[in-house]
Amino acid sequence: MSSYVDSMFLRVKDSSDIESITYSIDSQYLIIEFKNKTYYGYKNVALIRILGFISAVSVGKYYHKAIKNNFQFEQLQEEAVIEYMKR
């Protein structure tokens, strides 16, 4: 039997802006939850960018350099994020 990971959720420590990230490997869709309880979804984000989040010294700086304004995005309502997480 083989194992397969299709998504990941990471709680972010030591960031003044970002609370968590959720990523779907299959759809390459990234959801970022900010500390102020706003959510943004980013489309077509390669896994290598998520690995960058994991290894970044500053998650906020990495977000501003590698994610923000580099991908098509949409603001999400909390209810939509909850439904997405149930999949």
C-alpha atoms as a PDB file:
ATOM      1  CA  MET A   1       0.000   0.000   0.000  1.00  0.00           C
ATOM      2  CA  SER A   2       1.412   3.396  -0.941  1.00  0.00           C
ATOM      3  CA  SER A   3       0.756   6.660   0.836  1.00  0.00           C
ATOM      4  CA  TYR A   4      -0.109   9.876  -0.923  1.00  0.00           C
ATOM      5  CA  VAL A   5      -0.295  13.419   0.387  1.00  0.00           C
ATOM      6  CA  ASP A   6      -2.607  15.719  -1.556  1.00  0.00           C
ATOM      7  CA  SER A   7      -2.705  18.751   0.723  1.00  0.00           C
ATOM      8  CA  MET A   8      -0.993  20.304   3.711  1.00  0.00           C
ATOM      9  CA  PHE A   9      -1.837  22.748   6.477  1.00  0.00           C
ATOM     10  CA  LEU A  10       0.847  24.717   8.286  1.00  0.00           C
ATOM     11  CA  ARG A  11       0.362  26.916  11.335  1.00  0.00           C
ATOM     12  CA  VAL A  12       2.885  29.747  11.085  1.00  0.00           C
ATOM     13  CA  LYS A  13       4.899  30.759  14.131  1.00  0.00           C
ATOM     14  CA  ASP A  14       6.689  34.043  14.621  1.00  0.00           C
ATOM     15  CA  SER A  15       4.877  35.991  11.927  1.00  0.00           C
ATOM     16  CA  SER A  16       3.162  39.250  12.709  1.00  0.00           C
ATOM     17  CA  ASP A  17       0.880  38.969   9.653  1.00  0.00           C
ATOM     18  CA  ILE A  18       0.374  35.344   8.592  1.00  0.00           C
ATOM     19  CA  GLU A  19      -1.540  32.840  10.735  1.00  0.00           C
ATOM     20  CA  SER A  20      -1.532  29.743   8.513  1.00  0.00           C
ATOM     21  CA  ILE A  21      -1.155  28.379   5.016  1.00  0.00           C
ATOM     22  CA  THR A  22      -3.102  25.576   3.383  1.00  0.00           C
ATOM     23  CA  TYR A  23      -1.904  24.083   0.120  1.00  0.00           C
ATOM     24  CA  SER A  24      -3.368  21.577  -2.326  1.00  0.00           C
ATOM     25  CA  ILE A  25      -0.670  19.724  -4.212  1.00  0.00           C
ATOM     26  CA  ASP A  26      -3.135  18.459  -6.826  1.00  0.00           C
ATOM     27  CA  SER A  27      -4.636  21.821  -7.722  1.00  0.00           C
ATOM     28  CA  GLN A  28      -1.601  23.953  -6.766  1.00  0.00           C
ATOM     29  CA  TYR A  29      -3.946  26.202  -4.808  1.00  0.00           C
ATOM     30  CA  LEU A  30      -2.616  28.110  -1.802  1.00  0.00           C
ATOM     31  CA  ILE A  31      -4.785  29.654   0.913  1.00  0.00           C
ATOM     32  CA  ILE A  32      -3.178  32.133   3.284  1.00  0.00           C
ATOM     33  CA  GLU A  33      -4.933  33.080   6.504  1.00  0.00           C
ATOM     34  CA  PHE A  34      -3.770  36.379   7.908  1.00  0.00           C
ATOM     35  CA  LYS A  35      -3.799  37.316  11.590  1.00  0.00           C
ATOM     36  CA  ASN A  36      -6.633  39.787  10.926  1.00  0.00           C
ATOM     37  CA  LYS A  37      -8.799  36.822   9.796  1.00  0.00           C
ATOM     38  CA  THR A  38      -8.719  37.647   6.087  1.00  0.00           C
ATOM     39  CA  TYR A  39      -8.104  34.844   3.621  1.00  0.00           C
ATOM     40  CA  TYR A  40      -6.615  34.885   0.145  1.00  0.00           C
ATOM     41  CA  GLY A  41      -6.420  32.078  -2.377  1.00  0.00           C
ATOM     42  CA  TYR A  42      -3.553  31.941  -4.886  1.00  0.00           C
ATOM     43  CA  LYS A  43      -3.778  29.901  -8.083  1.00  0.00           C
ATOM     44  CA  ASN A  44      -1.092  27.815  -9.806  1.00  0.00           C
ATOM     45  CA  VAL A  45       1.470  28.022  -7.002  1.00  0.00           C
ATOM     46  CA  ALA A  46       4.215  25.435  -7.508  1.00  0.00           C
ATOM     47  CA  LEU A  47       5.182  23.185  -4.621  1.00  0.00           C
ATOM     48  CA  ILE A  48       8.680  24.689  -4.604  1.00  0.00           C
ATOM     49  CA  ARG A  49       7.135  27.980  -3.399  1.00  0.00           C
ATOM     50  CA  ILE A  50       5.536  26.157  -0.457  1.00  0.00           C
ATOM     51  CA  LEU A  51       8.851  24.578   0.408  1.00  0.00           C
ATOM     52  CA  GLY A  52      10.211  28.121   0.417  1.00  0.00           C
ATOM     53  CA  PHE A  53       7.612  29.057   3.031  1.00  0.00           C
ATOM     54  CA  ILE A  54       8.688  26.142   5.194  1.00  0.00           C
ATOM     55  CA  SER A  55      12.362  27.047   5.042  1.00  0.00           C
ATOM     56  CA  ALA A  56      12.065  30.856   5.104  1.00  0.00           C
ATOM     57  CA  VAL A  57      13.731  32.762   7.916  1.00  0.00           C
ATOM     58  CA  SER A  58      10.930  35.332   7.626  1.00  0.00           C
ATOM     59  CA  VAL A  59       7.591  34.026   6.356  1.00  0.00           C
ATOM     60  CA  GLY A  60       6.293  37.566   5.847  1.00  0.00           C
ATOM     61  CA  LYS A  61       9.281  38.626   3.756  1.00  0.00           C
ATOM     62  CA  TYR A  62       9.030  35.426   1.715  1.00  0.00           C
ATOM     63  CA  TYR A  63       5.336  36.061   1.105  1.00  0.00           C
ATOM     64  CA  HIS A  64       5.984  39.618  -0.114  1.00  0.00           C
ATOM     65  CA  LYS A  65       8.860  38.525  -2.361  1.00  0.00           C
ATOM     66  CA  ALA A  66       7.666  35.194  -3.763  1.00  0.00           C
ATOM     67  CA  ILE A  67       3.847  35.080  -3.533  1.00  0.00           C
ATOM     68  CA  LYS A  68       2.129  38.478  -3.286  1.00  0.00           C
ATOM     69  CA  ASN A  69       1.459  40.008  -6.711  1.00  0.00           C
ATOM     70  CA  ASN A  70       3.114  37.023  -8.444  1.00  0.00           C
ATOM     71  CA  PHE A  71       0.015  34.838  -8.768  1.00  0.00           C
ATOM     72  CA  GLN A  72      -3.624  35.271  -9.651  1.00  0.00           C
ATOM     73  CA  PHE A  73      -5.483  35.607  -6.344  1.00  0.00           C
ATOM     74  CA  GLU A  74      -8.892  36.096  -4.806  1.00  0.00           C
ATOM     75  CA  GLN A  75     -10.101  37.171  -1.393  1.00  0.00           C
ATOM     76  CA  LEU A  76     -12.040  34.365   0.274  1.00  0.00           C
ATOM     77  CA  GLN A  77     -14.764  34.364   2.876  1.00  0.00           C
ATOM     78  CA  GLU A  78     -14.154  32.239   5.966  1.00  0.00           C
ATOM     79  CA  GLU A  79     -17.112  30.001   5.085  1.00  0.00           C
ATOM     80  CA  ALA A  80     -15.538  29.160   1.716  1.00  0.00           C
ATOM     81  CA  VAL A  81     -12.262  28.270   3.402  1.00  0.00           C
ATOM     82  CA  ILE A  82     -14.049  25.977   5.862  1.00  0.00           C
ATOM     83  CA  GLU A  83     -15.817  24.208   2.980  1.00  0.00           C
ATOM     84  CA  TYR A  84     -12.525  23.869   1.111  1.00  0.00           C
ATOM     85  CA  MET A  85     -10.893  22.290   4.170  1.00  0.00           C
ATOM     86  CA  LYS A  86     -13.664  19.659   4.399  1.00  0.00           C
ATOM     87  CA  ARG A  87     -12.726  18.207   0.988  1.00  0.00           C
END
